[in-house]
């Protein structure tokens, strides 16, 4: 049995949100479509996550991505990775993270079976980064460098482009990606679970720039 979408295409990818907890408060976060507040959602156990992954692979899923929240907050993340990575038929296991805790965990996670990471990085401007995420840019940059050195390939940088906020930082992000050997991905703001006023502001900035 293979899962098929409404257009008759086989479904090959699965994203598993393993936590809704996060140490960042990004203005543009859509919380993977979840409606509950961060820290209030019940988390699946390691066995439950691995079981879902096994069933998914048996139905033709070949690529799984672990997301959150911030996956690295889970102390049992390596157990989750180890359990999924050995499933016969799985071709790819990756994770999306803000990278703030990655520096100390990169080598261990790679040894557990994780092979790719996507790191959310909206800018390399320290002031803008702090305002957007309430995080520390230096820690995230260290996490990116450690991920590359640990052997993750590729390491992708997810930049949500926000007109009027970080759009002018794209050239600097391109330079950073080139210097670190990472891949830059420009991502459109998703309106899901984003404050309507904030989304209107971004769209308004985009519309004004188009008129110019």
C-alpha atoms as a PDB file:
ATOM      1  CA  UNK A   1       0.000   0.000   0.000  1.00  0.00           C
ATOM      2  CA  UNK A   2       1.262   3.464  -0.932  1.00  0.00           C
ATOM      3  CA  UNK A   3      -0.166   6.812   0.174  1.00  0.00           C
ATOM      4  CA  UNK A   4      -1.428   8.942  -2.730  1.00  0.00           C
ATOM      5  CA  UNK A   5      -2.426  12.625  -2.701  1.00  0.00           C
ATOM      6  CA  UNK A   6      -5.485  14.116  -4.420  1.00  0.00           C
ATOM      7  CA  UNK A   7      -3.494  14.572  -7.640  1.00  0.00           C
ATOM      8  CA  UNK A   8      -2.499  10.916  -7.797  1.00  0.00           C
ATOM      9  CA  UNK A   9       1.080  11.499  -6.662  1.00  0.00           C
ATOM     10  CA  UNK A  10       2.790   9.216  -4.126  1.00  0.00           C
ATOM     11  CA  UNK A  11       3.473  10.799  -0.733  1.00  0.00           C
ATOM     12  CA  UNK A  12       7.156  10.361   0.060  1.00  0.00           C
ATOM     13  CA  UNK A  13       7.802  12.911   2.837  1.00  0.00           C
ATOM     14  CA  UNK A  14       6.604  13.121   6.439  1.00  0.00           C
ATOM     15  CA  UNK A  15       7.205  15.842   9.016  1.00  0.00           C
ATOM     16  CA  UNK A  16       6.877  14.774  12.655  1.00  0.00           C
ATOM     17  CA  UNK A  17       6.548  17.529  15.252  1.00  0.00           C
ATOM     18  CA  UNK A  18       8.108  16.007  18.353  1.00  0.00           C
ATOM     19  CA  UNK A  19       7.523  18.989  20.667  1.00  0.00           C
ATOM     20  CA  UNK A  20       5.804  22.349  20.734  1.00  0.00           C
ATOM     21  CA  UNK A  21       8.230  23.704  23.323  1.00  0.00           C
ATOM     22  CA  UNK A  22      10.717  26.284  22.071  1.00  0.00           C
ATOM     23  CA  UNK A  23      13.403  28.517  23.572  1.00  0.00           C
ATOM     24  CA  UNK A  24      12.754  31.200  20.915  1.00  0.00           C
ATOM     25  CA  UNK A  25       9.764  33.462  20.333  1.00  0.00           C
ATOM     26  CA  UNK A  26       9.994  34.196  16.610  1.00  0.00           C
ATOM     27  CA  UNK A  27       7.524  36.810  15.370  1.00  0.00           C
ATOM     28  CA  UNK A  28       6.829  34.858  12.182  1.00  0.00           C
ATOM     29  CA  UNK A  29       6.522  31.340  13.632  1.00  0.00           C
ATOM     30  CA  UNK A  30       3.511  29.352  12.390  1.00  0.00           C
ATOM     31  CA  UNK A  31       4.006  26.542  14.944  1.00  0.00           C
ATOM     32  CA  UNK A  32       3.761  23.847  12.245  1.00  0.00           C
ATOM     33  CA  UNK A  33       0.018  24.526  12.033  1.00  0.00           C
ATOM     34  CA  UNK A  34      -0.655  23.579  15.670  1.00  0.00           C
ATOM     35  CA  UNK A  35      -3.385  25.522  17.433  1.00  0.00           C
ATOM     36  CA  UNK A  36      -2.364  24.937  21.062  1.00  0.00           C
ATOM     37  CA  UNK A  37      -0.006  27.223  22.943  1.00  0.00           C
ATOM     38  CA  UNK A  38       3.663  26.401  23.267  1.00  0.00           C
ATOM     39  CA  UNK A  39       4.369  24.260  26.303  1.00  0.00           C
ATOM     40  CA  UNK A  40       0.718  23.183  26.645  1.00  0.00           C
ATOM     41  CA  UNK A  41       0.669  20.439  24.000  1.00  0.00           C
ATOM     42  CA  UNK A  42       1.121  16.842  25.107  1.00  0.00           C
ATOM     43  CA  UNK A  43       4.270  15.253  23.677  1.00  0.00           C
ATOM     44  CA  UNK A  44       4.516  11.799  22.137  1.00  0.00           C
ATOM     45  CA  UNK A  45       6.869   9.279  23.687  1.00  0.00           C
ATOM     46  CA  UNK A  46       9.936   7.940  21.884  1.00  0.00           C
ATOM     47  CA  UNK A  47       8.144   4.649  21.177  1.00  0.00           C
ATOM     48  CA  UNK A  48       5.095   6.447  19.757  1.00  0.00           C
ATOM     49  CA  UNK A  49       7.217   8.595  17.437  1.00  0.00           C
ATOM     50  CA  UNK A  50       9.244   5.645  16.191  1.00  0.00           C
ATOM     51  CA  UNK A  51       6.064   3.585  15.688  1.00  0.00           C
ATOM     52  CA  UNK A  52       4.515   6.351  13.569  1.00  0.00           C
ATOM     53  CA  UNK A  53       7.716   6.508  11.527  1.00  0.00           C
ATOM     54  CA  UNK A  54       7.717   2.723  10.980  1.00  0.00           C
ATOM     55  CA  UNK A  55       4.091   2.733   9.833  1.00  0.00           C
ATOM     56  CA  UNK A  56       4.766   5.696   7.531  1.00  0.00           C
ATOM     57  CA  UNK A  57       7.743   3.958   5.902  1.00  0.00           C
ATOM     58  CA  UNK A  58       5.681   0.806   5.434  1.00  0.00           C
ATOM     59  CA  UNK A  59       3.212   2.967   3.467  1.00  0.00           C
ATOM     60  CA  UNK A  60       5.884   4.301   1.124  1.00  0.00           C
ATOM     61  CA  UNK A  61       7.269   7.283   3.031  1.00  0.00           C
ATOM     62  CA  UNK A  62      11.010   7.443   2.405  1.00  0.00           C
ATOM     63  CA  UNK A  63      12.007  10.804   3.925  1.00  0.00           C
ATOM     64  CA  UNK A  64      11.231  11.964   7.467  1.00  0.00           C
ATOM     65  CA  UNK A  65      11.929  15.375   9.018  1.00  0.00           C
ATOM     66  CA  UNK A  66      11.786  16.018  12.765  1.00  0.00           C
ATOM     67  CA  UNK A  67      10.389  19.424  13.683  1.00  0.00           C
ATOM     68  CA  UNK A  68       8.932  21.338  16.603  1.00  0.00           C
ATOM     69  CA  UNK A  69       8.889  23.672  18.428  1.00  0.00           C
ATOM     70  CA  UNK A  70      12.581  23.219  18.940  1.00  0.00           C
ATOM     71  CA  UNK A  71      13.468  19.486  18.688  1.00  0.00           C
ATOM     72  CA  UNK A  72      16.750  19.948  20.565  1.00  0.00           C
ATOM     73  CA  UNK A  73      14.838  20.783  23.743  1.00  0.00           C
ATOM     74  CA  UNK A  74      13.917  17.113  24.056  1.00  0.00           C
ATOM     75  CA  UNK A  75      16.489  15.279  26.168  1.00  0.00           C
ATOM     76  CA  UNK A  76      15.602  12.004  24.435  1.00  0.00           C
ATOM     77  CA  UNK A  77      16.154  13.353  20.902  1.00  0.00           C
ATOM     78  CA  UNK A  78      19.063  10.998  20.253  1.00  0.00           C
ATOM     79  CA  UNK A  79      16.855   8.022  21.181  1.00  0.00           C
ATOM     80  CA  UNK A  80      14.238   9.213  18.705  1.00  0.00           C
ATOM     81  CA  UNK A  81      16.855   9.631  15.969  1.00  0.00           C
ATOM     82  CA  UNK A  82      18.420   6.248  16.701  1.00  0.00           C
ATOM     83  CA  UNK A  83      15.059   4.500  16.570  1.00  0.00           C
ATOM     84  CA  UNK A  84      13.993   6.067  13.270  1.00  0.00           C
ATOM     85  CA  UNK A  85      17.321   5.983  11.449  1.00  0.00           C
ATOM     86  CA  UNK A  86      17.494   2.150  11.441  1.00  0.00           C
ATOM     87  CA  UNK A  87      14.041   1.621   9.903  1.00  0.00           C
ATOM     88  CA  UNK A  88      14.472  -0.465   6.715  1.00  0.00           C
ATOM     89  CA  UNK A  89      13.441   1.480   3.636  1.00  0.00           C
ATOM     90  CA  UNK A  90      14.008   4.945   5.110  1.00  0.00           C
ATOM     91  CA  UNK A  91      16.230   6.948   2.762  1.00  0.00           C
ATOM     92  CA  UNK A  92      16.561  10.253   4.604  1.00  0.00           C
ATOM     93  CA  UNK A  93      16.199  11.550   8.172  1.00  0.00           C
ATOM     94  CA  UNK A  94      16.602  15.261   8.824  1.00  0.00           C
ATOM     95  CA  UNK A  95      15.696  17.896  11.410  1.00  0.00           C
ATOM     96  CA  UNK A  96      14.645  21.538  11.479  1.00  0.00           C
ATOM     97  CA  UNK A  97      16.100  23.575  14.348  1.00  0.00           C
ATOM     98  CA  UNK A  98      16.856  27.137  15.372  1.00  0.00           C
ATOM     99  CA  UNK A  99      20.435  25.999  15.962  1.00  0.00           C
ATOM    100  CA  UNK A 100      20.869  27.684  19.340  1.00  0.00           C
ATOM    101  CA  UNK A 101      21.705  24.423  21.163  1.00  0.00           C
ATOM    102  CA  UNK A 102      23.203  22.632  18.176  1.00  0.00           C
ATOM    103  CA  UNK A 103      26.872  23.377  18.883  1.00  0.00           C
ATOM    104  CA  UNK A 104      26.969  20.985  21.848  1.00  0.00           C
ATOM    105  CA  UNK A 105      24.750  18.336  20.232  1.00  0.00           C
ATOM    106  CA  UNK A 106      25.830  18.181  16.572  1.00  0.00           C
ATOM    107  CA  UNK A 107      28.423  15.402  16.822  1.00  0.00           C
ATOM    108  CA  UNK A 108      26.247  13.231  19.069  1.00  0.00           C
ATOM    109  CA  UNK A 109      23.206  13.556  16.805  1.00  0.00           C
ATOM    110  CA  UNK A 110      25.255  12.715  13.733  1.00  0.00           C
ATOM    111  CA  UNK A 111      26.555   9.616  15.498  1.00  0.00           C
ATOM    112  CA  UNK A 112      22.959   8.666  16.382  1.00  0.00           C
ATOM    113  CA  UNK A 113      22.000   8.621  12.697  1.00  0.00           C
ATOM    114  CA  UNK A 114      20.857  12.132  11.795  1.00  0.00           C
ATOM    115  CA  UNK A 115      22.337  13.204   8.456  1.00  0.00           C
ATOM    116  CA  UNK A 116      20.808  16.564   7.475  1.00  0.00           C
ATOM    117  CA  UNK A 117      19.706  19.718   9.300  1.00  0.00           C
ATOM    118  CA  UNK A 118      17.726  22.785   8.307  1.00  0.00           C
ATOM    119  CA  UNK A 119      18.559  25.750  10.517  1.00  0.00           C
ATOM    120  CA  UNK A 120      16.227  28.719  10.811  1.00  0.00           C
ATOM    121  CA  UNK A 121      18.254  31.873  10.254  1.00  0.00           C
ATOM    122  CA  UNK A 122      16.322  35.042   9.310  1.00  0.00           C
ATOM    123  CA  UNK A 123      19.368  37.322   9.261  1.00  0.00           C
ATOM    124  CA  UNK A 124      23.042  37.661  10.202  1.00  0.00           C
ATOM    125  CA  UNK A 125      22.375  41.128  11.602  1.00  0.00           C
ATOM    126  CA  UNK A 126      22.680  40.686  15.366  1.00  0.00           C
ATOM    127  CA  UNK A 127      20.170  43.410  16.288  1.00  0.00           C
ATOM    128  CA  UNK A 128      17.521  42.275  13.804  1.00  0.00           C
ATOM    129  CA  UNK A 129      18.034  38.632  14.811  1.00  0.00           C
ATOM    130  CA  UNK A 130      17.492  39.439  18.474  1.00  0.00           C
ATOM    131  CA  UNK A 131      14.314  41.413  17.766  1.00  0.00           C
ATOM    132  CA  UNK A 132      12.855  38.744  15.472  1.00  0.00           C
ATOM    133  CA  UNK A 133      13.634  35.662  17.544  1.00  0.00           C
ATOM    134  CA  UNK A 134      14.519  36.789  21.081  1.00  0.00           C
ATOM    135  CA  UNK A 135      17.575  34.566  20.565  1.00  0.00           C
ATOM    136  CA  UNK A 136      21.359  34.865  20.450  1.00  0.00           C
ATOM    137  CA  UNK A 137      22.873  35.005  16.950  1.00  0.00           C
ATOM    138  CA  UNK A 138      26.356  34.002  18.111  1.00  0.00           C
ATOM    139  CA  UNK A 139      25.096  30.704  19.564  1.00  0.00           C
ATOM    140  CA  UNK A 140      23.217  29.901  16.364  1.00  0.00           C
ATOM    141  CA  UNK A 141      26.247  30.668  14.180  1.00  0.00           C
ATOM    142  CA  UNK A 142      28.359  28.358  16.359  1.00  0.00           C
ATOM    143  CA  UNK A 143      25.707  25.666  15.903  1.00  0.00           C
ATOM    144  CA  UNK A 144      25.824  26.063  12.127  1.00  0.00           C
ATOM    145  CA  UNK A 145      29.607  25.791  12.025  1.00  0.00           C
ATOM    146  CA  UNK A 146      29.573  22.746  14.331  1.00  0.00           C
ATOM    147  CA  UNK A 147      26.940  21.061  12.158  1.00  0.00           C
ATOM    148  CA  UNK A 148      29.104  21.464   9.063  1.00  0.00           C
ATOM    149  CA  UNK A 149      32.173  20.148  10.890  1.00  0.00           C
ATOM    150  CA  UNK A 150      30.208  17.186  12.308  1.00  0.00           C
ATOM    151  CA  UNK A 151      29.487  15.998   8.769  1.00  0.00           C
ATOM    152  CA  UNK A 152      25.866  16.990   8.205  1.00  0.00           C
ATOM    153  CA  UNK A 153      25.355  17.328   4.468  1.00  0.00           C
ATOM    154  CA  UNK A 154      23.758  19.472   3.374  1.00  0.00           C
ATOM    155  CA  UNK A 155      23.263  22.055   6.092  1.00  0.00           C
ATOM    156  CA  UNK A 156      20.459  24.323   4.885  1.00  0.00           C
ATOM    157  CA  UNK A 157      19.642  27.793   6.183  1.00  0.00           C
ATOM    158  CA  UNK A 158      15.940  28.670   6.186  1.00  0.00           C
ATOM    159  CA  UNK A 159      15.489  32.422   5.788  1.00  0.00           C
ATOM    160  CA  UNK A 160      11.904  33.655   6.054  1.00  0.00           C
ATOM    161  CA  UNK A 161      11.996  36.830   3.953  1.00  0.00           C
ATOM    162  CA  UNK A 162      10.101  39.716   5.582  1.00  0.00           C
ATOM    163  CA  UNK A 163       9.832  42.829   3.484  1.00  0.00           C
ATOM    164  CA  UNK A 164      10.602  45.942   5.490  1.00  0.00           C
ATOM    165  CA  UNK A 165      12.447  43.880   8.118  1.00  0.00           C
ATOM    166  CA  UNK A 166      15.176  41.595   6.726  1.00  0.00           C
ATOM    167  CA  UNK A 167      14.838  41.652   2.920  1.00  0.00           C
ATOM    168  CA  UNK A 168      17.927  43.858   2.612  1.00  0.00           C
ATOM    169  CA  UNK A 169      19.933  41.209   4.486  1.00  0.00           C
ATOM    170  CA  UNK A 170      19.676  38.675   1.634  1.00  0.00           C
ATOM    171  CA  UNK A 171      23.101  39.559   0.099  1.00  0.00           C
ATOM    172  CA  UNK A 172      24.786  39.195   3.501  1.00  0.00           C
ATOM    173  CA  UNK A 173      23.031  35.853   3.986  1.00  0.00           C
ATOM    174  CA  UNK A 174      24.288  34.692   0.602  1.00  0.00           C
ATOM    175  CA  UNK A 175      27.843  35.593   1.615  1.00  0.00           C
ATOM    176  CA  UNK A 176      27.439  33.796   4.949  1.00  0.00           C
ATOM    177  CA  UNK A 177      26.176  30.648   3.224  1.00  0.00           C
ATOM    178  CA  UNK A 178      29.100  30.742   0.804  1.00  0.00           C
ATOM    179  CA  UNK A 179      31.629  31.176   3.621  1.00  0.00           C
ATOM    180  CA  UNK A 180      30.197  28.363   5.756  1.00  0.00           C
ATOM    181  CA  UNK A 181      29.513  25.876   2.954  1.00  0.00           C
ATOM    182  CA  UNK A 182      25.777  25.856   3.640  1.00  0.00           C
ATOM    183  CA  UNK A 183      22.733  26.212   1.357  1.00  0.00           C
ATOM    184  CA  UNK A 184      20.504  29.266   1.664  1.00  0.00           C
ATOM    185  CA  UNK A 185      16.751  28.772   1.203  1.00  0.00           C
ATOM    186  CA  UNK A 186      14.509  31.842   0.904  1.00  0.00           C
ATOM    187  CA  UNK A 187      11.070  31.118   2.351  1.00  0.00           C
ATOM    188  CA  UNK A 188       7.809  33.002   2.002  1.00  0.00           C
ATOM    189  CA  UNK A 189       5.964  33.967   5.179  1.00  0.00           C
ATOM    190  CA  UNK A 190       3.225  31.442   5.972  1.00  0.00           C
ATOM    191  CA  UNK A 191       0.054  33.071   7.371  1.00  0.00           C
ATOM    192  CA  UNK A 192      -0.862  29.978   9.429  1.00  0.00           C
ATOM    193  CA  UNK A 193      -0.971  30.834  13.173  1.00  0.00           C
ATOM    194  CA  UNK A 194       0.724  34.188  12.491  1.00  0.00           C
ATOM    195  CA  UNK A 195      -0.884  37.274  13.992  1.00  0.00           C
ATOM    196  CA  UNK A 196      -3.124  38.808  11.319  1.00  0.00           C
ATOM    197  CA  UNK A 197      -1.909  42.336  11.999  1.00  0.00           C
ATOM    198  CA  UNK A 198       1.720  41.236  11.611  1.00  0.00           C
ATOM    199  CA  UNK A 199       0.963  39.404   8.360  1.00  0.00           C
ATOM    200  CA  UNK A 200      -0.871  42.451   6.987  1.00  0.00           C
ATOM    201  CA  UNK A 201       2.138  44.625   7.864  1.00  0.00           C
ATOM    202  CA  UNK A 202       4.517  42.364   5.919  1.00  0.00           C
ATOM    203  CA  UNK A 203       2.158  42.128   2.946  1.00  0.00           C
ATOM    204  CA  UNK A 204       1.670  45.900   3.095  1.00  0.00           C
ATOM    205  CA  UNK A 205       5.426  46.425   2.907  1.00  0.00           C
ATOM    206  CA  UNK A 206       5.570  44.063  -0.068  1.00  0.00           C
ATOM    207  CA  UNK A 207       2.733  45.845  -1.864  1.00  0.00           C
ATOM    208  CA  UNK A 208       4.340  49.247  -1.306  1.00  0.00           C
ATOM    209  CA  UNK A 209       7.670  48.002  -2.664  1.00  0.00           C
ATOM    210  CA  UNK A 210       5.884  46.654  -5.745  1.00  0.00           C
ATOM    211  CA  UNK A 211       4.314  50.047  -6.388  1.00  0.00           C
ATOM    212  CA  UNK A 212       7.744  51.630  -6.206  1.00  0.00           C
END
